[in-house]
Amino acid sequence: MPALVPHVPFGEELPLLDELNHRIINEFASAISMISRAAARFADEEVKDALGGVALLLHGYAPVHRALQPPHKETLIDAEGYLSKLCRAISRSKLDHMDIALVLAAPPLLMSADCCWRLGMIVNELVTNATRHAFAGRGGRIHVGLFRSGAWVTCSVADNGSAPGFVQPGRGLRIVEELSRSLDGRFERRFSPSGSVSTLVFPYVEQSSQTARTARADHDQVGRSQWPCASKITR
């Protein structure tokens, strides 16, 4: 059986992946344009509003897709900034209209781009899973946490919903487990009457001091305004 989560492709495979992502983004733009043109043809305001809402949702999904693209090169990035950008995109595309608050608590933490990408895939799937199973059409709150303690990093996704004590694992959770193993991590889920918590613990790979200094310098040149504070409601 082929691996669900291959290593990030570089070299010859990267142009093919770029072409695929380029086509997907173009399809998003084409769909948004088609819906906007259709809305303009209708005189009925309810129809216009409905089609406009669909176009806005597609506008929101495109940044999620961009945030989850595999990295182009081996480099260090700030996991807090990466996850904050991803959580904002998820909120705008999926959660805001459902009255579900997505909260991120994370300090600045330098990690490899490959590790951040895998972590982002896990967070996206777990947030999507909580949205689908925890709230039954009600509003709620999902909390994403990330912190380092010595040689280990812990990432958690918790909700205050009421998911059943057992959710039949689907392809999404199987991918989460594969991604967790690719990080040499341990993944577990716990359910209670007050909500559920999914936790990933994986080893932190120390970076050389020179590489870390270079990454921090690049981070400072970008500007702190692009890297939100450590605890923020991403609504």
C-alpha atoms as a PDB file:
ATOM      1  CA  MET A   1       0.000   0.000   0.000  1.00  0.00           C
ATOM      2  CA  PRO A   2       1.527   3.377  -0.942  1.00  0.00           C
ATOM      3  CA  ALA A   3       2.339   5.834   1.839  1.00  0.00           C
ATOM      4  CA  LEU A   4      -0.396   8.373   2.496  1.00  0.00           C
ATOM      5  CA  VAL A   5       2.174  11.055   3.341  1.00  0.00           C
ATOM      6  CA  PRO A   6       5.256  11.041   1.108  1.00  0.00           C
ATOM      7  CA  HIS A   7       8.269  13.209   1.773  1.00  0.00           C
ATOM      8  CA  VAL A   8       8.020  16.763   0.467  1.00  0.00           C
ATOM      9  CA  PRO A   9       9.060  16.621  -3.190  1.00  0.00           C
ATOM     10  CA  PHE A  10      11.999  18.668  -4.354  1.00  0.00           C
ATOM     11  CA  GLY A  11      13.889  18.754  -7.621  1.00  0.00           C
ATOM     12  CA  GLU A  12      12.088  17.221 -10.580  1.00  0.00           C
ATOM     13  CA  GLU A  13       8.760  16.675  -8.805  1.00  0.00           C
ATOM     14  CA  LEU A  14       8.369  20.238  -7.555  1.00  0.00           C
ATOM     15  CA  PRO A  15       7.455  21.805 -10.951  1.00  0.00           C
ATOM     16  CA  LEU A  16       4.673  19.214 -11.327  1.00  0.00           C
ATOM     17  CA  LEU A  17       3.293  20.087  -7.896  1.00  0.00           C
ATOM     18  CA  ASP A  18       3.551  23.801  -8.693  1.00  0.00           C
ATOM     19  CA  GLU A  19       1.593  23.230 -11.890  1.00  0.00           C
ATOM     20  CA  LEU A  20      -1.123  21.346  -9.992  1.00  0.00           C
ATOM     21  CA  ASN A  21      -1.417  24.094  -7.368  1.00  0.00           C
ATOM     22  CA  HIS A  22      -1.458  26.745 -10.105  1.00  0.00           C
ATOM     23  CA  ARG A  23      -4.360  24.972 -11.801  1.00  0.00           C
ATOM     24  CA  ILE A  24      -6.295  24.670  -8.542  1.00  0.00           C
ATOM     25  CA  ILE A  25      -5.887  28.375  -7.796  1.00  0.00           C
ATOM     26  CA  ASN A  26      -6.986  29.187 -11.345  1.00  0.00           C
ATOM     27  CA  GLU A  27     -10.072  27.010 -10.853  1.00  0.00           C
ATOM     28  CA  PHE A  28     -10.909  28.922  -7.686  1.00  0.00           C
ATOM     29  CA  ALA A  29     -10.614  32.211  -9.591  1.00  0.00           C
ATOM     30  CA  SER A  30     -12.691  30.859 -12.478  1.00  0.00           C
ATOM     31  CA  ALA A  31     -15.462  29.640 -10.161  1.00  0.00           C
ATOM     32  CA  ILE A  32     -15.564  32.963  -8.278  1.00  0.00           C
ATOM     33  CA  SER A  33     -15.749  34.890 -11.549  1.00  0.00           C
ATOM     34  CA  MET A  34     -18.521  32.657 -12.914  1.00  0.00           C
ATOM     35  CA  ILE A  35     -20.598  33.016  -9.741  1.00  0.00           C
ATOM     36  CA  SER A  36     -20.120  36.792  -9.691  1.00  0.00           C
ATOM     37  CA  ARG A  37     -21.281  37.063 -13.306  1.00  0.00           C
ATOM     38  CA  ALA A  38     -24.310  34.893 -12.546  1.00  0.00           C
ATOM     39  CA  ALA A  39     -25.218  37.083  -9.565  1.00  0.00           C
ATOM     40  CA  ALA A  40     -25.080  40.193 -11.742  1.00  0.00           C
ATOM     41  CA  ARG A  41     -27.685  38.736 -14.113  1.00  0.00           C
ATOM     42  CA  PHE A  42     -30.324  38.257 -11.399  1.00  0.00           C
ATOM     43  CA  ALA A  43     -32.627  41.037 -10.243  1.00  0.00           C
ATOM     44  CA  ASP A  44     -33.757  39.124  -7.162  1.00  0.00           C
ATOM     45  CA  GLU A  45     -31.754  40.420  -4.165  1.00  0.00           C
ATOM     46  CA  GLU A  46     -32.025  37.137  -2.275  1.00  0.00           C
ATOM     47  CA  VAL A  47     -30.455  35.266  -5.179  1.00  0.00           C
ATOM     48  CA  LYS A  48     -27.736  37.915  -5.465  1.00  0.00           C
ATOM     49  CA  ASP A  49     -26.982  37.631  -1.746  1.00  0.00           C
ATOM     50  CA  ALA A  50     -26.882  33.820  -1.883  1.00  0.00           C
ATOM     51  CA  LEU A  51     -24.501  33.767  -4.839  1.00  0.00           C
ATOM     52  CA  GLY A  52     -22.406  36.500  -3.263  1.00  0.00           C
ATOM     53  CA  GLY A  53     -22.097  34.376  -0.141  1.00  0.00           C
ATOM     54  CA  VAL A  54     -20.854  31.426  -2.202  1.00  0.00           C
ATOM     55  CA  ALA A  55     -18.258  33.658  -3.867  1.00  0.00           C
ATOM     56  CA  LEU A  56     -17.064  34.898  -0.458  1.00  0.00           C
ATOM     57  CA  LEU A  57     -16.704  31.324   0.781  1.00  0.00           C
ATOM     58  CA  LEU A  58     -14.566  30.451  -2.232  1.00  0.00           C
ATOM     59  CA  HIS A  59     -12.470  33.555  -1.582  1.00  0.00           C
ATOM     60  CA  GLY A  60     -11.920  32.151   1.909  1.00  0.00           C
ATOM     61  CA  TYR A  61     -11.002  28.622   0.779  1.00  0.00           C
ATOM     62  CA  ALA A  62      -8.271  29.826  -1.577  1.00  0.00           C
ATOM     63  CA  PRO A  63      -5.998  31.150   1.252  1.00  0.00           C
ATOM     64  CA  VAL A  64      -6.404  27.830   3.115  1.00  0.00           C
ATOM     65  CA  HIS A  65      -5.208  26.011   0.013  1.00  0.00           C
ATOM     66  CA  ARG A  66      -2.244  28.377  -0.358  1.00  0.00           C
ATOM     67  CA  ALA A  67      -1.280  28.002   3.311  1.00  0.00           C
ATOM     68  CA  LEU A  68      -1.271  24.200   2.987  1.00  0.00           C
ATOM     69  CA  GLN A  69       0.981  24.039  -0.059  1.00  0.00           C
ATOM     70  CA  PRO A  70       4.211  22.093   0.547  1.00  0.00           C
ATOM     71  CA  PRO A  71       7.302  24.278   1.048  1.00  0.00           C
ATOM     72  CA  HIS A  72       9.498  25.083  -1.936  1.00  0.00           C
ATOM     73  CA  LYS A  73      12.789  24.812  -0.081  1.00  0.00           C
ATOM     74  CA  GLU A  74      14.401  23.654   3.138  1.00  0.00           C
ATOM     75  CA  THR A  75      14.318  26.653   5.471  1.00  0.00           C
ATOM     76  CA  LEU A  76      13.237  27.747   8.935  1.00  0.00           C
ATOM     77  CA  ILE A  77      10.000  29.596   9.583  1.00  0.00           C
ATOM     78  CA  ASP A  78       8.091  30.762  12.648  1.00  0.00           C
ATOM     79  CA  ALA A  79       5.477  28.118  13.476  1.00  0.00           C
ATOM     80  CA  GLU A  80       3.381  30.678  15.373  1.00  0.00           C
ATOM     81  CA  GLY A  81       3.153  32.963  12.335  1.00  0.00           C
ATOM     82  CA  TYR A  82       2.424  30.068   9.994  1.00  0.00           C
ATOM     83  CA  LEU A  83      -0.355  28.643  12.180  1.00  0.00           C
ATOM     84  CA  SER A  84      -1.845  32.091  12.785  1.00  0.00           C
ATOM     85  CA  LYS A  85      -2.140  32.671   9.047  1.00  0.00           C
ATOM     86  CA  LEU A  86      -3.660  29.222   8.564  1.00  0.00           C
ATOM     87  CA  CYS A  87      -6.156  29.641  11.428  1.00  0.00           C
ATOM     88  CA  ARG A  88      -7.322  33.015  10.110  1.00  0.00           C
ATOM     89  CA  ALA A  89      -7.945  31.460   6.699  1.00  0.00           C
ATOM     90  CA  ILE A  90      -9.823  28.503   8.225  1.00  0.00           C
ATOM     91  CA  SER A  91     -11.983  30.851  10.315  1.00  0.00           C
ATOM     92  CA  ARG A  92     -12.969  32.996   7.368  1.00  0.00           C
ATOM     93  CA  SER A  93     -13.708  30.065   5.077  1.00  0.00           C
ATOM     94  CA  LYS A  94     -15.453  27.626   7.437  1.00  0.00           C
ATOM     95  CA  LEU A  95     -16.131  28.889  10.938  1.00  0.00           C
ATOM     96  CA  ASP A  96     -17.230  32.519  11.052  1.00  0.00           C
ATOM     97  CA  HIS A  97     -20.612  31.853   9.456  1.00  0.00           C
ATOM     98  CA  MET A  98     -21.115  28.913  11.848  1.00  0.00           C
ATOM     99  CA  ASP A  99     -20.449  31.073  14.946  1.00  0.00           C
ATOM    100  CA  ILE A 100     -17.445  28.945  15.914  1.00  0.00           C
ATOM    101  CA  ALA A 101     -14.487  30.828  17.405  1.00  0.00           C
ATOM    102  CA  LEU A 102     -11.004  29.543  16.598  1.00  0.00           C
ATOM    103  CA  VAL A 103      -8.363  30.515  19.161  1.00  0.00           C
ATOM    104  CA  LEU A 104      -4.606  30.068  18.739  1.00  0.00           C
ATOM    105  CA  ALA A 105      -2.152  30.151  21.636  1.00  0.00           C
ATOM    106  CA  ALA A 106       1.472  29.763  20.572  1.00  0.00           C
ATOM    107  CA  PRO A 107       4.798  31.449  21.293  1.00  0.00           C
ATOM    108  CA  PRO A 108       7.274  32.201  18.481  1.00  0.00           C
ATOM    109  CA  LEU A 109       8.965  28.903  17.624  1.00  0.00           C
ATOM    110  CA  LEU A 110      11.399  28.316  14.774  1.00  0.00           C
ATOM    111  CA  MET A 111      10.838  25.050  12.934  1.00  0.00           C
ATOM    112  CA  SER A 112      11.681  23.642   9.535  1.00  0.00           C
ATOM    113  CA  ALA A 113       9.287  24.553   6.737  1.00  0.00           C
ATOM    114  CA  ASP A 114       8.628  20.854   6.145  1.00  0.00           C
ATOM    115  CA  CYS A 115       7.683  20.308   9.800  1.00  0.00           C
ATOM    116  CA  CYS A 116       5.413  23.391   9.816  1.00  0.00           C
ATOM    117  CA  TRP A 117       3.653  22.187   6.683  1.00  0.00           C
ATOM    118  CA  ARG A 118       2.973  18.764   8.198  1.00  0.00           C
ATOM    119  CA  LEU A 119       1.808  20.411  11.421  1.00  0.00           C
ATOM    120  CA  GLY A 120      -0.502  22.704   9.445  1.00  0.00           C
ATOM    121  CA  MET A 121      -2.026  19.714   7.641  1.00  0.00           C
ATOM    122  CA  ILE A 122      -2.704  18.071  11.012  1.00  0.00           C
ATOM    123  CA  VAL A 123      -4.244  21.208  12.542  1.00  0.00           C
ATOM    124  CA  ASN A 124      -6.439  21.793   9.497  1.00  0.00           C
ATOM    125  CA  GLU A 125      -7.776  18.240   9.574  1.00  0.00           C
ATOM    126  CA  LEU A 126      -8.416  18.266  13.331  1.00  0.00           C
ATOM    127  CA  VAL A 127     -10.206  21.629  13.206  1.00  0.00           C
ATOM    128  CA  THR A 128     -12.300  20.387  10.276  1.00  0.00           C
ATOM    129  CA  ASN A 129     -13.085  17.209  12.221  1.00  0.00           C
ATOM    130  CA  ALA A 130     -14.174  19.157  15.306  1.00  0.00           C
ATOM    131  CA  THR A 131     -16.335  21.437  13.166  1.00  0.00           C
ATOM    132  CA  ARG A 132     -18.025  18.431  11.575  1.00  0.00           C
ATOM    133  CA  HIS A 133     -18.666  16.345  14.710  1.00  0.00           C
ATOM    134  CA  ALA A 134     -18.581  18.486  17.852  1.00  0.00           C
ATOM    135  CA  PHE A 135     -21.243  21.168  17.579  1.00  0.00           C
ATOM    136  CA  ALA A 136     -24.297  19.725  15.789  1.00  0.00           C
ATOM    137  CA  GLY A 137     -25.164  23.048  14.200  1.00  0.00           C
ATOM    138  CA  ARG A 138     -24.501  25.090  17.355  1.00  0.00           C
ATOM    139  CA  GLY A 139     -21.810  27.701  17.911  1.00  0.00           C
ATOM    140  CA  GLY A 140     -18.740  26.875  19.953  1.00  0.00           C
ATOM    141  CA  ARG A 141     -15.037  27.312  20.450  1.00  0.00           C
ATOM    142  CA  ILE A 142     -11.967  25.471  19.155  1.00  0.00           C
ATOM    143  CA  HIS A 143      -8.615  26.072  20.818  1.00  0.00           C
ATOM    144  CA  VAL A 144      -5.303  25.334  19.073  1.00  0.00           C
ATOM    145  CA  GLY A 145      -2.233  25.276  21.305  1.00  0.00           C
ATOM    146  CA  LEU A 146       1.447  24.874  20.508  1.00  0.00           C
ATOM    147  CA  PHE A 147       4.323  24.931  22.980  1.00  0.00           C
ATOM    148  CA  ARG A 148       7.796  23.525  23.426  1.00  0.00           C
ATOM    149  CA  SER A 149       9.037  21.894  26.608  1.00  0.00           C
ATOM    150  CA  GLY A 150      12.680  20.913  26.367  1.00  0.00           C
ATOM    151  CA  ALA A 151      13.182  18.375  23.601  1.00  0.00           C
ATOM    152  CA  TRP A 152       9.464  18.025  22.849  1.00  0.00           C
ATOM    153  CA  VAL A 153       6.768  20.055  21.112  1.00  0.00           C
ATOM    154  CA  THR A 154       3.088  19.619  21.976  1.00  0.00           C
ATOM    155  CA  CYS A 155       0.275  20.647  19.649  1.00  0.00           C
ATOM    156  CA  SER A 156      -3.326  20.322  20.834  1.00  0.00           C
ATOM    157  CA  VAL A 157      -6.719  20.977  19.263  1.00  0.00           C
ATOM    158  CA  ALA A 158      -9.569  21.141  21.787  1.00  0.00           C
ATOM    159  CA  ASP A 159     -13.260  21.942  21.421  1.00  0.00           C
ATOM    160  CA  ASN A 160     -16.115  22.592  23.842  1.00  0.00           C
ATOM    161  CA  GLY A 161     -18.633  20.606  21.832  1.00  0.00           C
ATOM    162  CA  SER A 162     -20.320  17.289  22.457  1.00  0.00           C
ATOM    163  CA  ALA A 163     -18.906  14.787  19.987  1.00  0.00           C
ATOM    164  CA  PRO A 164     -19.718  11.124  20.659  1.00  0.00           C
ATOM    165  CA  GLY A 165     -17.150   9.156  22.628  1.00  0.00           C
ATOM    166  CA  PHE A 166     -16.128   7.331  19.486  1.00  0.00           C
ATOM    167  CA  VAL A 167     -15.912   8.735  15.979  1.00  0.00           C
ATOM    168  CA  GLN A 168     -15.287   6.212  13.223  1.00  0.00           C
ATOM    169  CA  PRO A 169     -11.831   7.070  11.867  1.00  0.00           C
ATOM    170  CA  GLY A 170     -11.976   8.184   8.253  1.00  0.00           C
ATOM    171  CA  ARG A 171      -9.299   8.950   5.712  1.00  0.00           C
ATOM    172  CA  GLY A 172      -8.648  12.326   7.353  1.00  0.00           C
ATOM    173  CA  LEU A 173      -7.703  10.828  10.718  1.00  0.00           C
ATOM    174  CA  ARG A 174      -5.611   8.154   9.021  1.00  0.00           C
ATOM    175  CA  ILE A 175      -3.674  10.927   7.303  1.00  0.00           C
ATOM    176  CA  VAL A 176      -3.258  12.693  10.669  1.00  0.00           C
ATOM    177  CA  GLU A 177      -1.799   9.497  12.125  1.00  0.00           C
ATOM    178  CA  GLU A 178       0.566   9.112   9.145  1.00  0.00           C
ATOM    179  CA  LEU A 179       1.654  12.739   9.440  1.00  0.00           C
ATOM    180  CA  SER A 180       2.227  12.264  13.170  1.00  0.00           C
ATOM    181  CA  ARG A 181       4.446   9.272  12.478  1.00  0.00           C
ATOM    182  CA  SER A 182       6.348  11.258   9.848  1.00  0.00           C
ATOM    183  CA  LEU A 183       7.217  13.721  12.653  1.00  0.00           C
ATOM    184  CA  ASP A 184       8.253  10.806  14.925  1.00  0.00           C
ATOM    185  CA  GLY A 185       5.360  11.876  17.115  1.00  0.00           C
ATOM    186  CA  ARG A 186       2.598  10.361  19.215  1.00  0.00           C
ATOM    187  CA  PHE A 187      -1.042  11.250  18.537  1.00  0.00           C
ATOM    188  CA  GLU A 188      -4.010  10.616  20.811  1.00  0.00           C
ATOM    189  CA  ARG A 189      -7.623  11.744  21.277  1.00  0.00           C
ATOM    190  CA  ARG A 190      -9.678  12.111  24.453  1.00  0.00           C
ATOM    191  CA  PHE A 191     -13.429  12.677  24.757  1.00  0.00           C
ATOM    192  CA  SER A 192     -15.421  14.038  27.685  1.00  0.00           C
ATOM    193  CA  PRO A 193     -18.858  15.597  28.292  1.00  0.00           C
ATOM    194  CA  SER A 194     -17.245  19.044  28.051  1.00  0.00           C
ATOM    195  CA  GLY A 195     -15.564  18.421  24.689  1.00  0.00           C
ATOM    196  CA  SER A 196     -12.711  16.596  23.017  1.00  0.00           C
ATOM    197  CA  VAL A 197      -8.946  17.093  22.889  1.00  0.00           C
ATOM    198  CA  SER A 198      -6.556  15.825  20.212  1.00  0.00           C
ATOM    199  CA  THR A 199      -2.879  15.971  21.173  1.00  0.00           C
ATOM    200  CA  LEU A 200       0.295  15.493  19.158  1.00  0.00           C
ATOM    201  CA  VAL A 201       3.693  15.295  20.871  1.00  0.00           C
ATOM    202  CA  PHE A 202       6.810  15.184  18.708  1.00  0.00           C
ATOM    203  CA  PRO A 203      10.549  15.801  19.142  1.00  0.00           C
ATOM    204  CA  TYR A 204      11.932  19.276  18.546  1.00  0.00           C
ATOM    205  CA  VAL A 205      14.871  19.299  16.146  1.00  0.00           C
ATOM    206  CA  GLU A 206      17.461  21.791  17.323  1.00  0.00           C
ATOM    207  CA  GLN A 207      18.718  24.157  14.647  1.00  0.00           C
ATOM    208  CA  SER A 208      22.289  25.361  14.342  1.00  0.00           C
ATOM    209  CA  SER A 209      22.854  28.790  15.906  1.00  0.00           C
ATOM    210  CA  GLN A 210      23.870  30.297  12.558  1.00  0.00           C
ATOM    211  CA  THR A 211      20.766  28.950  10.792  1.00  0.00           C
ATOM    212  CA  ALA A 212      18.543  30.198  13.599  1.00  0.00           C
ATOM    213  CA  ARG A 213      20.132  33.676  13.514  1.00  0.00           C
ATOM    214  CA  THR A 214      19.590  33.862   9.753  1.00  0.00           C
ATOM    215  CA  ALA A 215      15.960  32.815  10.113  1.00  0.00           C
ATOM    216  CA  ARG A 216      15.352  35.373  12.856  1.00  0.00           C
ATOM    217  CA  ALA A 217      16.919  38.087  10.713  1.00  0.00           C
ATOM    218  CA  ASP A 218      14.619  37.157   7.811  1.00  0.00           C
ATOM    219  CA  HIS A 219      11.709  37.135  10.260  1.00  0.00           C
ATOM    220  CA  ASP A 220      12.550  40.669  11.483  1.00  0.00           C
ATOM    221  CA  GLN A 221      12.874  42.007   7.938  1.00  0.00           C
ATOM    222  CA  VAL A 222       9.364  40.795   7.128  1.00  0.00           C
ATOM    223  CA  GLY A 223       8.045  42.804  10.081  1.00  0.00           C
ATOM    224  CA  ARG A 224       6.366  41.845  13.300  1.00  0.00           C
ATOM    225  CA  SER A 225       2.995  43.086  12.070  1.00  0.00           C
ATOM    226  CA  GLN A 226       2.721  39.948   9.949  1.00  0.00           C
ATOM    227  CA  TRP A 227       3.259  37.664  12.921  1.00  0.00           C
ATOM    228  CA  PRO A 228       0.319  37.930  15.362  1.00  0.00           C
ATOM    229  CA  CYS A 229       0.693  37.786  19.124  1.00  0.00           C
ATOM    230  CA  ALA A 230       1.034  34.496  20.959  1.00  0.00           C
ATOM    231  CA  SER A 231      -2.608  34.260  21.994  1.00  0.00           C
ATOM    232  CA  LYS A 232      -5.304  35.555  19.708  1.00  0.00           C
ATOM    233  CA  ILE A 233      -8.857  34.864  18.674  1.00  0.00           C
ATOM    234  CA  THR A 234      -8.584  34.341  14.940  1.00  0.00           C
ATOM    235  CA  ARG A 235     -11.946  35.641  13.886  1.00  0.00           C
END
